[in-house]
Amino acid sequence: MNAPTSIQVLLNPDGKPAFVVIPYQDYIARHAEERGLIPHAVVHRTVEGATPVRAWREHLGLTQAEVAGRLGISQSAYAQQERSEGLRKSTRAKIAAALGIQAQQLDF
């Protein structure tokens, strides 16, 4: 099956895979995840006044209800946590897991 993909495999002279080319945005996202980096867009939103939790949620394109569902709490309870500047370490860890990021990426 030849499904369309944005990944390209480059072959060596023997016809064997030598390199894989992926879109730059995919590379940046994967590289940032590996190193625990914080995307510029997230930092920018915090400079504008958003909490790190809110900035990450918006960057990932998630609603408060979606994150609350992942946490097993109500949307209003999550909204209160998202507005808070002083979350407990355990709460930050749970929210980070729900967002699919590392807890330290919320500590800036």
PDB file of N, CA and C in Angstrom:
ATOM      1  N   MET A   1       0.837  -1.173   0.000  1.00  0.00           N
ATOM      2  CA  MET A   1       0.000   0.000   0.000  1.00  0.00           C
ATOM      3  C   MET A   1       0.886   1.242   0.000  1.00  0.00           C
ATOM      4  N   ASN A   2       0.602   2.209  -0.835  1.00  0.00           N
ATOM      5  CA  ASN A   2       1.392   3.433  -0.937  1.00  0.00           C
ATOM      6  C   ASN A   2       0.602   4.618  -0.395  1.00  0.00           C
ATOM      7  N   ALA A   3       0.487   4.706   0.916  1.00  0.00           N
ATOM      8  CA  ALA A   3      -0.203   5.831   1.535  1.00  0.00           C
ATOM      9  C   ALA A   3       0.683   7.065   1.469  1.00  0.00           C
ATOM     10  N   PRO A   4       0.089   8.248   1.236  1.00  0.00           N
ATOM     11  CA  PRO A   4       0.901   9.461   1.194  1.00  0.00           C
ATOM     12  C   PRO A   4       1.533   9.726   2.564  1.00  0.00           C
ATOM     13  N   THR A   5       2.769  10.191   2.537  1.00  0.00           N
ATOM     14  CA  THR A   5       3.486  10.477   3.773  1.00  0.00           C
ATOM     15  C   THR A   5       4.392  11.676   3.557  1.00  0.00           C
ATOM     16  N   SER A   6       4.734  12.332   4.650  1.00  0.00           N
ATOM     17  CA  SER A   6       5.650  13.466   4.547  1.00  0.00           C
ATOM     18  C   SER A   6       7.072  13.035   4.875  1.00  0.00           C
ATOM     19  N   ILE A   7       7.280  11.743   5.061  1.00  0.00           N
ATOM     20  CA  ILE A   7       8.599  11.201   5.362  1.00  0.00           C
ATOM     21  C   ILE A   7       9.198  10.639   4.080  1.00  0.00           C
ATOM     22  N   GLN A   8      10.475  10.939   3.863  1.00  0.00           N
ATOM     23  CA  GLN A   8      11.152  10.468   2.660  1.00  0.00           C
ATOM     24  C   GLN A   8      12.367   9.632   3.070  1.00  0.00           C
ATOM     25  N   VAL A   9      12.521   8.477   2.466  1.00  0.00           N
ATOM     26  CA  VAL A   9      13.673   7.613   2.717  1.00  0.00           C
ATOM     27  C   VAL A   9      14.628   7.745   1.534  1.00  0.00           C
ATOM     28  N   LEU A  10      15.892   8.069   1.859  1.00  0.00           N
ATOM     29  CA  LEU A  10      16.920   8.172   0.819  1.00  0.00           C
ATOM     30  C   LEU A  10      17.771   6.911   0.846  1.00  0.00           C
ATOM     31  N   LEU A  11      17.986   6.363  -0.317  1.00  0.00           N
ATOM     32  CA  LEU A  11      18.720   5.110  -0.427  1.00  0.00           C
ATOM     33  C   LEU A  11      20.185   5.348  -0.760  1.00  0.00           C
ATOM     34  N   ASN A  12      21.028   4.436  -0.292  1.00  0.00           N
ATOM     35  CA  ASN A  12      22.449   4.513  -0.650  1.00  0.00           C
ATOM     36  C   ASN A  12      22.631   3.887  -2.033  1.00  0.00           C
ATOM     37  N   PRO A  13      23.835   3.891  -2.588  1.00  0.00           N
ATOM     38  CA  PRO A  13      24.047   3.334  -3.932  1.00  0.00           C
ATOM     39  C   PRO A  13      23.665   1.849  -4.057  1.00  0.00           C
ATOM     40  N   ASP A  14      23.663   1.127  -2.931  1.00  0.00           N
ATOM     41  CA  ASP A  14      23.275  -0.287  -2.969  1.00  0.00           C
ATOM     42  C   ASP A  14      21.762  -0.480  -2.902  1.00  0.00           C
ATOM     43  N   GLY A  15      21.010   0.618  -2.815  1.00  0.00           N
ATOM     44  CA  GLY A  15      19.558   0.524  -2.752  1.00  0.00           C
ATOM     45  C   GLY A  15      19.010   0.297  -1.353  1.00  0.00           C
ATOM     46  N   LYS A  16      19.858   0.426  -0.339  1.00  0.00           N
ATOM     47  CA  LYS A  16      19.421   0.233   1.045  1.00  0.00           C
ATOM     48  C   LYS A  16      19.179   1.602   1.685  1.00  0.00           C
ATOM     49  N   PRO A  17      18.235   1.670   2.634  1.00  0.00           N
ATOM     50  CA  PRO A  17      17.966   2.956   3.300  1.00  0.00           C
ATOM     51  C   PRO A  17      19.226   3.516   3.951  1.00  0.00           C
ATOM     52  N   ALA A  18      19.486   4.796   3.698  1.00  0.00           N
ATOM     53  CA  ALA A  18      20.650   5.463   4.274  1.00  0.00           C
ATOM     54  C   ALA A  18      20.239   6.639   5.161  1.00  0.00           C
ATOM     55  N   PHE A  19      19.207   7.365   4.769  1.00  0.00           N
ATOM     56  CA  PHE A  19      18.747   8.534   5.514  1.00  0.00           C
ATOM     57  C   PHE A  19      17.228   8.598   5.476  1.00  0.00           C
ATOM     58  N   VAL A  20      16.667   9.254   6.488  1.00  0.00           N
ATOM     59  CA  VAL A  20      15.238   9.530   6.512  1.00  0.00           C
ATOM     60  C   VAL A  20      15.075  11.032   6.631  1.00  0.00           C
ATOM     61  N   VAL A  21      14.258  11.603   5.769  1.00  0.00           N
ATOM     62  CA  VAL A  21      13.994  13.035   5.783  1.00  0.00           C
ATOM     63  C   VAL A  21      12.573  13.232   6.310  1.00  0.00           C
ATOM     64  N   ILE A  22      12.465  14.065   7.341  1.00  0.00           N
ATOM     65  CA  ILE A  22      11.145  14.372   7.910  1.00  0.00           C
ATOM     66  C   ILE A  22      10.933  15.880   7.850  1.00  0.00           C
ATOM     67  N   PRO A  23       9.680  16.341   7.918  1.00  0.00           N
ATOM     68  CA  PRO A  23       9.432  17.786   7.923  1.00  0.00           C
ATOM     69  C   PRO A  23      10.112  18.444   9.124  1.00  0.00           C
ATOM     70  N   TYR A  24      10.578  19.650   8.912  1.00  0.00           N
ATOM     71  CA  TYR A  24      11.326  20.376   9.947  1.00  0.00           C
ATOM     72  C   TYR A  24      10.518  20.501  11.240  1.00  0.00           C
ATOM     73  N   GLN A  25       9.232  20.808  11.134  1.00  0.00           N
ATOM     74  CA  GLN A  25       8.402  20.963  12.338  1.00  0.00           C
ATOM     75  C   GLN A  25       8.331  19.658  13.131  1.00  0.00           C
ATOM     76  N   ASP A  26       8.275  18.526  12.452  1.00  0.00           N
ATOM     77  CA  ASP A  26       8.275  17.236  13.141  1.00  0.00           C
ATOM     78  C   ASP A  26       9.604  17.016  13.863  1.00  0.00           C
ATOM     79  N   TYR A  27      10.687  17.379  13.192  1.00  0.00           N
ATOM     80  CA  TYR A  27      12.013  17.233  13.799  1.00  0.00           C
ATOM     81  C   TYR A  27      12.123  18.094  15.063  1.00  0.00           C
ATOM     82  N   ILE A  28      11.700  19.347  14.971  1.00  0.00           N
ATOM     83  CA  ILE A  28      11.781  20.253  16.114  1.00  0.00           C
ATOM     84  C   ILE A  28      10.936  19.721  17.261  1.00  0.00           C
ATOM     85  N   ALA A  29       9.735  19.262  16.983  1.00  0.00           N
ATOM     86  CA  ALA A  29       8.855  18.745  18.039  1.00  0.00           C
ATOM     87  C   ALA A  29       9.483  17.528  18.717  1.00  0.00           C
ATOM     88  N   ARG A  30      10.005  16.610  17.938  1.00  0.00           N
ATOM     89  CA  ARG A  30      10.622  15.410  18.516  1.00  0.00           C
ATOM     90  C   ARG A  30      11.891  15.748  19.285  1.00  0.00           C
ATOM     91  N   HIS A  31      12.678  16.646  18.741  1.00  0.00           N
ATOM     92  CA  HIS A  31      13.929  17.037  19.396  1.00  0.00           C
ATOM     93  C   HIS A  31      13.643  17.761  20.711  1.00  0.00           C
ATOM     94  N   ALA A  32      12.642  18.615  20.721  1.00  0.00           N
ATOM     95  CA  ALA A  32      12.280  19.346  21.936  1.00  0.00           C
ATOM     96  C   ALA A  32      11.795  18.388  23.020  1.00  0.00           C
ATOM     97  N   GLU A  33      10.998  17.397  22.632  1.00  0.00           N
ATOM     98  CA  GLU A  33      10.507  16.413  23.596  1.00  0.00           C
ATOM     99  C   GLU A  33      11.658  15.649  24.235  1.00  0.00           C
ATOM    100  N   GLU A  34      12.622  15.266  23.423  1.00  0.00           N
ATOM    101  CA  GLU A  34      13.751  14.491  23.930  1.00  0.00           C
ATOM    102  C   GLU A  34      14.574  15.281  24.932  1.00  0.00           C
ATOM    103  N   ARG A  35      14.734  16.558  24.710  1.00  0.00           N
ATOM    104  CA  ARG A  35      15.597  17.376  25.555  1.00  0.00           C
ATOM    105  C   ARG A  35      14.832  18.172  26.593  1.00  0.00           C
ATOM    106  N   GLY A  36      13.518  18.072  26.621  1.00  0.00           N
ATOM    107  CA  GLY A  36      12.738  18.807  27.598  1.00  0.00           C
ATOM    108  C   GLY A  36      12.721  20.305  27.350  1.00  0.00           C
ATOM    109  N   LEU A  37      12.834  20.705  26.086  1.00  0.00           N
ATOM    110  CA  LEU A  37      12.847  22.114  25.748  1.00  0.00           C
ATOM    111  C   LEU A  37      11.439  22.689  25.758  1.00  0.00           C
ATOM    112  N   ILE A  38      11.362  23.995  25.777  1.00  0.00           N
ATOM    113  CA  ILE A  38      10.081  24.689  25.776  1.00  0.00           C
ATOM    114  C   ILE A  38       9.975  25.486  24.477  1.00  0.00           C
ATOM    115  N   PRO A  39       8.948  25.227  23.667  1.00  0.00           N
ATOM    116  CA  PRO A  39       8.799  25.942  22.397  1.00  0.00           C
ATOM    117  C   PRO A  39       8.656  27.451  22.610  1.00  0.00           C
ATOM    118  N   HIS A  40       9.140  28.210  21.650  1.00  0.00           N
ATOM    119  CA  HIS A  40       9.054  29.666  21.713  1.00  0.00           C
ATOM    120  C   HIS A  40       7.608  30.132  21.902  1.00  0.00           C
ATOM    121  N   ALA A  41       6.671  29.499  21.221  1.00  0.00           N
ATOM    122  CA  ALA A  41       5.267  29.904  21.324  1.00  0.00           C
ATOM    123  C   ALA A  41       4.752  29.796  22.755  1.00  0.00           C
ATOM    124  N   VAL A  42       5.210  28.787  23.486  1.00  0.00           N
ATOM    125  CA  VAL A  42       4.787  28.613  24.877  1.00  0.00           C
ATOM    126  C   VAL A  42       5.369  29.728  25.738  1.00  0.00           C
ATOM    127  N   VAL A  43       6.647  29.996  25.568  1.00  0.00           N
ATOM    128  CA  VAL A  43       7.288  31.073  26.330  1.00  0.00           C
ATOM    129  C   VAL A  43       6.619  32.405  26.009  1.00  0.00           C
ATOM    130  N   HIS A  44       6.348  32.639  24.736  1.00  0.00           N
ATOM    131  CA  HIS A  44       5.714  33.891  24.312  1.00  0.00           C
ATOM    132  C   HIS A  44       4.362  34.085  25.000  1.00  0.00           C
ATOM    133  N   ARG A  45       3.567  33.026  25.079  1.00  0.00           N
ATOM    134  CA  ARG A  45       2.248  33.135  25.741  1.00  0.00           C
ATOM    135  C   ARG A  45       2.402  33.476  27.223  1.00  0.00           C
ATOM    136  N   THR A  46       3.440  32.972  27.881  1.00  0.00           N
ATOM    137  CA  THR A  46       3.626  33.310  29.293  1.00  0.00           C
ATOM    138  C   THR A  46       4.043  34.766  29.451  1.00  0.00           C
ATOM    139  N   VAL A  47       4.808  35.275  28.491  1.00  0.00           N
ATOM    140  CA  VAL A  47       5.173  36.692  28.524  1.00  0.00           C
ATOM    141  C   VAL A  47       3.922  37.555  28.367  1.00  0.00           C
ATOM    142  N   GLU A  48       2.965  37.068  27.595  1.00  0.00           N
ATOM    143  CA  GLU A  48       1.696  37.776  27.407  1.00  0.00           C
ATOM    144  C   GLU A  48       0.779  37.666  28.623  1.00  0.00           C
ATOM    145  N   GLY A  49       1.135  36.811  29.592  1.00  0.00           N
ATOM    146  CA  GLY A  49       0.338  36.722  30.819  1.00  0.00           C
ATOM    147  C   GLY A  49      -0.269  35.367  31.128  1.00  0.00           C
ATOM    148  N   ALA A  50      -0.155  34.415  30.238  1.00  0.00           N
ATOM    149  CA  ALA A  50      -0.706  33.080  30.500  1.00  0.00           C
ATOM    150  C   ALA A  50       0.198  32.318  31.463  1.00  0.00           C
ATOM    151  N   THR A  51      -0.386  31.438  32.249  1.00  0.00           N
ATOM    152  CA  THR A  51       0.431  30.561  33.078  1.00  0.00           C
ATOM    153  C   THR A  51       1.089  29.523  32.172  1.00  0.00           C
ATOM    154  N   PRO A  52       2.182  28.906  32.613  1.00  0.00           N
ATOM    155  CA  PRO A  52       2.797  27.864  31.791  1.00  0.00           C
ATOM    156  C   PRO A  52       1.824  26.732  31.434  1.00  0.00           C
ATOM    157  N   VAL A  53       0.954  26.363  32.369  1.00  0.00           N
ATOM    158  CA  VAL A  53      -0.013  25.291  32.097  1.00  0.00           C
ATOM    159  C   VAL A  53      -0.944  25.690  30.963  1.00  0.00           C
ATOM    160  N   ARG A  54      -1.461  26.905  31.027  1.00  0.00           N
ATOM    161  CA  ARG A  54      -2.365  27.374  29.966  1.00  0.00           C
ATOM    162  C   ARG A  54      -1.621  27.490  28.637  1.00  0.00           C
ATOM    163  N   ALA A  55      -0.416  28.054  28.676  1.00  0.00           N
ATOM    164  CA  ALA A  55       0.360  28.225  27.446  1.00  0.00           C
ATOM    165  C   ALA A  55       0.609  26.885  26.761  1.00  0.00           C
ATOM    166  N   TRP A  56       0.973  25.867  27.534  1.00  0.00           N
ATOM    167  CA  TRP A  56       1.191  24.534  26.964  1.00  0.00           C
ATOM    168  C   TRP A  56      -0.101  23.965  26.391  1.00  0.00           C
ATOM    169  N   ARG A  57      -1.195  24.084  27.143  1.00  0.00           N
ATOM    170  CA  ARG A  57      -2.471  23.527  26.670  1.00  0.00           C
ATOM    171  C   ARG A  57      -2.858  24.157  25.342  1.00  0.00           C
ATOM    172  N   GLU A  58      -2.759  25.483  25.261  1.00  0.00           N
ATOM    173  CA  GLU A  58      -3.112  26.174  24.024  1.00  0.00           C
ATOM    174  C   GLU A  58      -2.168  25.778  22.887  1.00  0.00           C
ATOM    175  N   HIS A  59      -0.888  25.670  23.186  1.00  0.00           N
ATOM    176  CA  HIS A  59       0.104  25.277  22.178  1.00  0.00           C
ATOM    177  C   HIS A  59      -0.211  23.893  21.605  1.00  0.00           C
ATOM    178  N   LEU A  60      -0.684  23.007  22.463  1.00  0.00           N
ATOM    179  CA  LEU A  60      -0.993  21.639  22.030  1.00  0.00           C
ATOM    180  C   LEU A  60      -2.377  21.520  21.403  1.00  0.00           C
ATOM    181  N   GLY A  61      -3.121  22.612  21.393  1.00  0.00           N
ATOM    182  CA  GLY A  61      -4.439  22.619  20.754  1.00  0.00           C
ATOM    183  C   GLY A  61      -5.501  21.854  21.523  1.00  0.00           C
ATOM    184  N   LEU A  62      -5.386  21.834  22.833  1.00  0.00           N
ATOM    185  CA  LEU A  62      -6.334  21.112  23.669  1.00  0.00           C
ATOM    186  C   LEU A  62      -7.289  22.078  24.365  1.00  0.00           C
ATOM    187  N   THR A  63      -8.486  21.603  24.651  1.00  0.00           N
ATOM    188  CA  THR A  63      -9.430  22.402  25.432  1.00  0.00           C
ATOM    189  C   THR A  63      -9.260  22.067  26.915  1.00  0.00           C
ATOM    190  N   GLN A  64      -9.786  22.942  27.757  1.00  0.00           N
ATOM    191  CA  GLN A  64      -9.754  22.657  29.188  1.00  0.00           C
ATOM    192  C   GLN A  64     -10.513  21.367  29.488  1.00  0.00           C
ATOM    193  N   ALA A  65     -11.618  21.149  28.813  1.00  0.00           N
ATOM    194  CA  ALA A  65     -12.421  19.942  29.035  1.00  0.00           C
ATOM    195  C   ALA A  65     -11.634  18.677  28.679  1.00  0.00           C
ATOM    196  N   GLU A  66     -10.860  18.731  27.595  1.00  0.00           N
ATOM    197  CA  GLU A  66     -10.062  17.567  27.201  1.00  0.00           C
ATOM    198  C   GLU A  66      -9.002  17.236  28.250  1.00  0.00           C
ATOM    199  N   VAL A  67      -8.306  18.261  28.733  1.00  0.00           N
ATOM    200  CA  VAL A  67      -7.270  18.022  29.745  1.00  0.00           C
ATOM    201  C   VAL A  67      -7.918  17.555  31.045  1.00  0.00           C
ATOM    202  N   ALA A  68      -9.030  18.173  31.423  1.00  0.00           N
ATOM    203  CA  ALA A  68      -9.734  17.762  32.629  1.00  0.00           C
ATOM    204  C   ALA A  68     -10.158  16.301  32.539  1.00  0.00           C
ATOM    205  N   GLY A  69     -10.637  15.885  31.379  1.00  0.00           N
ATOM    206  CA  GLY A  69     -11.018  14.492  31.175  1.00  0.00           C
ATOM    207  C   GLY A  69      -9.842  13.548  31.354  1.00  0.00           C
ATOM    208  N   ARG A  70      -8.685  13.950  30.851  1.00  0.00           N
ATOM    209  CA  ARG A  70      -7.482  13.125  31.017  1.00  0.00           C
ATOM    210  C   ARG A  70      -7.074  13.018  32.485  1.00  0.00           C
ATOM    211  N   LEU A  71      -7.370  14.094  33.246  1.00  0.00           N
ATOM    212  CA  LEU A  71      -7.027  14.108  34.666  1.00  0.00           C
ATOM    213  C   LEU A  71      -8.104  13.471  35.537  1.00  0.00           C
ATOM    214  N   GLY A  72      -9.281  13.270  34.967  1.00  0.00           N
ATOM    215  CA  GLY A  72     -10.384  12.701  35.740  1.00  0.00           C
ATOM    216  C   GLY A  72     -11.014  13.697  36.698  1.00  0.00           C
ATOM    217  N   ILE A  73     -10.981  14.991  36.323  1.00  0.00           N
ATOM    218  CA  ILE A  73     -11.594  16.038  37.144  1.00  0.00           C
ATOM    219  C   ILE A  73     -12.527  16.863  36.276  1.00  0.00           C
ATOM    220  N   SER A  74     -13.288  17.763  36.896  1.00  0.00           N
ATOM    221  CA  SER A  74     -14.200  18.609  36.131  1.00  0.00           C
ATOM    222  C   SER A  74     -13.435  19.711  35.409  1.00  0.00           C
ATOM    223  N   GLN A  75     -14.066  20.252  34.382  1.00  0.00           N
ATOM    224  CA  GLN A  75     -13.446  21.348  33.634  1.00  0.00           C
ATOM    225  C   GLN A  75     -13.219  22.548  34.547  1.00  0.00           C
ATOM    226  N   SER A  76     -14.178  22.844  35.439  1.00  0.00           N
ATOM    227  CA  SER A  76     -14.019  24.008  36.316  1.00  0.00           C
ATOM    228  C   SER A  76     -12.878  23.810  37.316  1.00  0.00           C
ATOM    229  N   ALA A  77     -12.690  22.585  37.794  1.00  0.00           N
ATOM    230  CA  ALA A  77     -11.576  22.308  38.706  1.00  0.00           C
ATOM    231  C   ALA A  77     -10.249  22.473  37.975  1.00  0.00           C
ATOM    232  N   TYR A  78     -10.206  22.001  36.729  1.00  0.00           N
ATOM    233  CA  TYR A  78      -8.982  22.170  35.946  1.00  0.00           C
ATOM    234  C   TYR A  78      -8.727  23.651  35.667  1.00  0.00           C
ATOM    235  N   ALA A  79      -9.765  24.409  35.323  1.00  0.00           N
ATOM    236  CA  ALA A  79      -9.609  25.834  35.032  1.00  0.00           C
ATOM    237  C   ALA A  79      -8.993  26.556  36.231  1.00  0.00           C
ATOM    238  N   GLN A  80      -9.398  26.179  37.422  1.00  0.00           N
ATOM    239  CA  GLN A  80      -8.844  26.785  38.635  1.00  0.00           C
ATOM    240  C   GLN A  80      -7.354  26.453  38.766  1.00  0.00           C
ATOM    241  N   GLN A  81      -6.993  25.212  38.495  1.00  0.00           N
ATOM    242  CA  GLN A  81      -5.587  24.816  38.551  1.00  0.00           C
ATOM    243  C   GLN A  81      -4.773  25.545  37.486  1.00  0.00           C
ATOM    244  N   GLU A  82      -5.358  25.679  36.307  1.00  0.00           N
ATOM    245  CA  GLU A  82      -4.657  26.323  35.197  1.00  0.00           C
ATOM    246  C   GLU A  82      -4.346  27.783  35.501  1.00  0.00           C
ATOM    247  N   ARG A  83      -5.203  28.453  36.258  1.00  0.00           N
ATOM    248  CA  ARG A  83      -4.984  29.854  36.612  1.00  0.00           C
ATOM    249  C   ARG A  83      -3.973  30.033  37.741  1.00  0.00           C
ATOM    250  N   SER A  84      -3.737  28.982  38.495  1.00  0.00           N
ATOM    251  CA  SER A  84      -2.881  29.063  39.670  1.00  0.00           C
ATOM    252  C   SER A  84      -1.405  29.210  39.309  1.00  0.00           C
ATOM    253  N   GLU A  85      -0.727  30.089  40.018  1.00  0.00           N
ATOM    254  CA  GLU A  85       0.718  30.271  39.826  1.00  0.00           C
ATOM    255  C   GLU A  85       1.511  29.335  40.736  1.00  0.00           C
ATOM    256  N   GLY A  86       0.882  28.837  41.802  1.00  0.00           N
ATOM    257  CA  GLY A  86       1.603  28.033  42.781  1.00  0.00           C
ATOM    258  C   GLY A  86       1.063  26.625  42.933  1.00  0.00           C
ATOM    259  N   LEU A  87       1.160  25.834  41.885  1.00  0.00           N
ATOM    260  CA  LEU A  87       0.697  24.449  41.942  1.00  0.00           C
ATOM    261  C   LEU A  87       1.678  23.586  42.730  1.00  0.00           C
ATOM    262  N   ARG A  88       1.136  22.591  43.411  1.00  0.00           N
ATOM    263  CA  ARG A  88       2.001  21.619  44.091  1.00  0.00           C
ATOM    264  C   ARG A  88       2.768  20.819  43.046  1.00  0.00           C
ATOM    265  N   LYS A  89       3.901  20.304  43.478  1.00  0.00           N
ATOM    266  CA  LYS A  89       4.747  19.511  42.581  1.00  0.00           C
ATOM    267  C   LYS A  89       3.978  18.312  42.031  1.00  0.00           C
ATOM    268  N   SER A  90       3.201  17.648  42.866  1.00  0.00           N
ATOM    269  CA  SER A  90       2.443  16.470  42.420  1.00  0.00           C
ATOM    270  C   SER A  90       1.367  16.853  41.403  1.00  0.00           C
ATOM    271  N   THR A  91       0.752  18.018  41.591  1.00  0.00           N
ATOM    272  CA  THR A  91      -0.266  18.485  40.647  1.00  0.00           C
ATOM    273  C   THR A  91       0.370  18.827  39.312  1.00  0.00           C
ATOM    274  N   ARG A  92       1.521  19.516  39.337  1.00  0.00           N
ATOM    275  CA  ARG A  92       2.233  19.829  38.092  1.00  0.00           C
ATOM    276  C   ARG A  92       2.601  18.550  37.347  1.00  0.00           C
ATOM    277  N   ALA A  93       3.028  17.539  38.088  1.00  0.00           N
ATOM    278  CA  ALA A  93       3.413  16.268  37.449  1.00  0.00           C
ATOM    279  C   ALA A  93       2.212  15.610  36.778  1.00  0.00           C
ATOM    280  N   LYS A  94       1.060  15.650  37.421  1.00  0.00           N
ATOM    281  CA  LYS A  94      -0.151  15.050  36.836  1.00  0.00           C
ATOM    282  C   LYS A  94      -0.590  15.812  35.590  1.00  0.00           C
ATOM    283  N   ILE A  95      -0.548  17.133  35.666  1.00  0.00           N
ATOM    284  CA  ILE A  95      -0.941  17.940  34.507  1.00  0.00           C
ATOM    285  C   ILE A  95       0.042  17.723  33.356  1.00  0.00           C
ATOM    286  N   ALA A  96       1.325  17.682  33.664  1.00  0.00           N
ATOM    287  CA  ALA A  96       2.329  17.439  32.619  1.00  0.00           C
ATOM    288  C   ALA A  96       2.070  16.107  31.930  1.00  0.00           C
ATOM    289  N   ALA A  97       1.778  15.075  32.705  1.00  0.00           N
ATOM    290  CA  ALA A  97       1.493  13.760  32.121  1.00  0.00           C
ATOM    291  C   ALA A  97       0.253  13.835  31.229  1.00  0.00           C
ATOM    292  N   ALA A  98      -0.764  14.566  31.665  1.00  0.00           N
ATOM    293  CA  ALA A  98      -1.987  14.708  30.866  1.00  0.00           C
ATOM    294  C   ALA A  98      -1.717  15.457  29.568  1.00  0.00           C
ATOM    295  N   LEU A  99      -0.753  16.384  29.600  1.00  0.00           N
ATOM    296  CA  LEU A  99      -0.397  17.138  28.402  1.00  0.00           C
ATOM    297  C   LEU A  99       0.616  16.407  27.527  1.00  0.00           C
ATOM    298  N   GLY A 100       1.231  15.361  28.075  1.00  0.00           N
ATOM    299  CA  GLY A 100       2.224  14.600  27.318  1.00  0.00           C
ATOM    300  C   GLY A 100       3.586  15.272  27.288  1.00  0.00           C
ATOM    301  N   ILE A 101       3.884  16.047  28.338  1.00  0.00           N
ATOM    302  CA  ILE A 101       5.179  16.717  28.428  1.00  0.00           C
ATOM    303  C   ILE A 101       5.855  16.311  29.730  1.00  0.00           C
ATOM    304  N   GLN A 102       7.093  16.747  29.918  1.00  0.00           N
ATOM    305  CA  GLN A 102       7.807  16.470  31.157  1.00  0.00           C
ATOM    306  C   GLN A 102       7.443  17.526  32.192  1.00  0.00           C
ATOM    307  N   ALA A 103       7.386  17.140  33.463  1.00  0.00           N
ATOM    308  CA  ALA A 103       6.989  18.063  34.523  1.00  0.00           C
ATOM    309  C   ALA A 103       7.887  19.300  34.566  1.00  0.00           C
ATOM    310  N   GLN A 104       9.171  19.137  34.322  1.00  0.00           N
ATOM    311  CA  GLN A 104      10.073  20.282  34.391  1.00  0.00           C
ATOM    312  C   GLN A 104       9.775  21.319  33.302  1.00  0.00           C
ATOM    313  N   GLN A 105       9.051  20.913  32.265  1.00  0.00           N
ATOM    314  CA  GLN A 105       8.694  21.868  31.213  1.00  0.00           C
ATOM    315  C   GLN A 105       7.616  22.850  31.665  1.00  0.00           C
ATOM    316  N   LEU A 106       7.048  22.623  32.837  1.00  0.00           N
ATOM    317  CA  LEU A 106       6.085  23.563  33.405  1.00  0.00           C
ATOM    318  C   LEU A 106       6.739  24.501  34.417  1.00  0.00           C
ATOM    319  N   ASP A 107       7.999  24.267  34.731  1.00  0.00           N
ATOM    320  CA  ASP A 107       8.710  25.028  35.756  1.00  0.00           C
ATOM    321  C   ASP A 107       9.566  26.123  35.152  1.00  0.00           C
ATOM    322  N   PHE A 108       8.930  27.154  34.659  1.00  0.00           N
ATOM    323  CA  PHE A 108       9.706  28.290  34.157  1.00  0.00           C
ATOM    324  C   PHE A 108       8.960  29.562  34.429  1.00  0.00           C
TER     325      PHE A 108
END
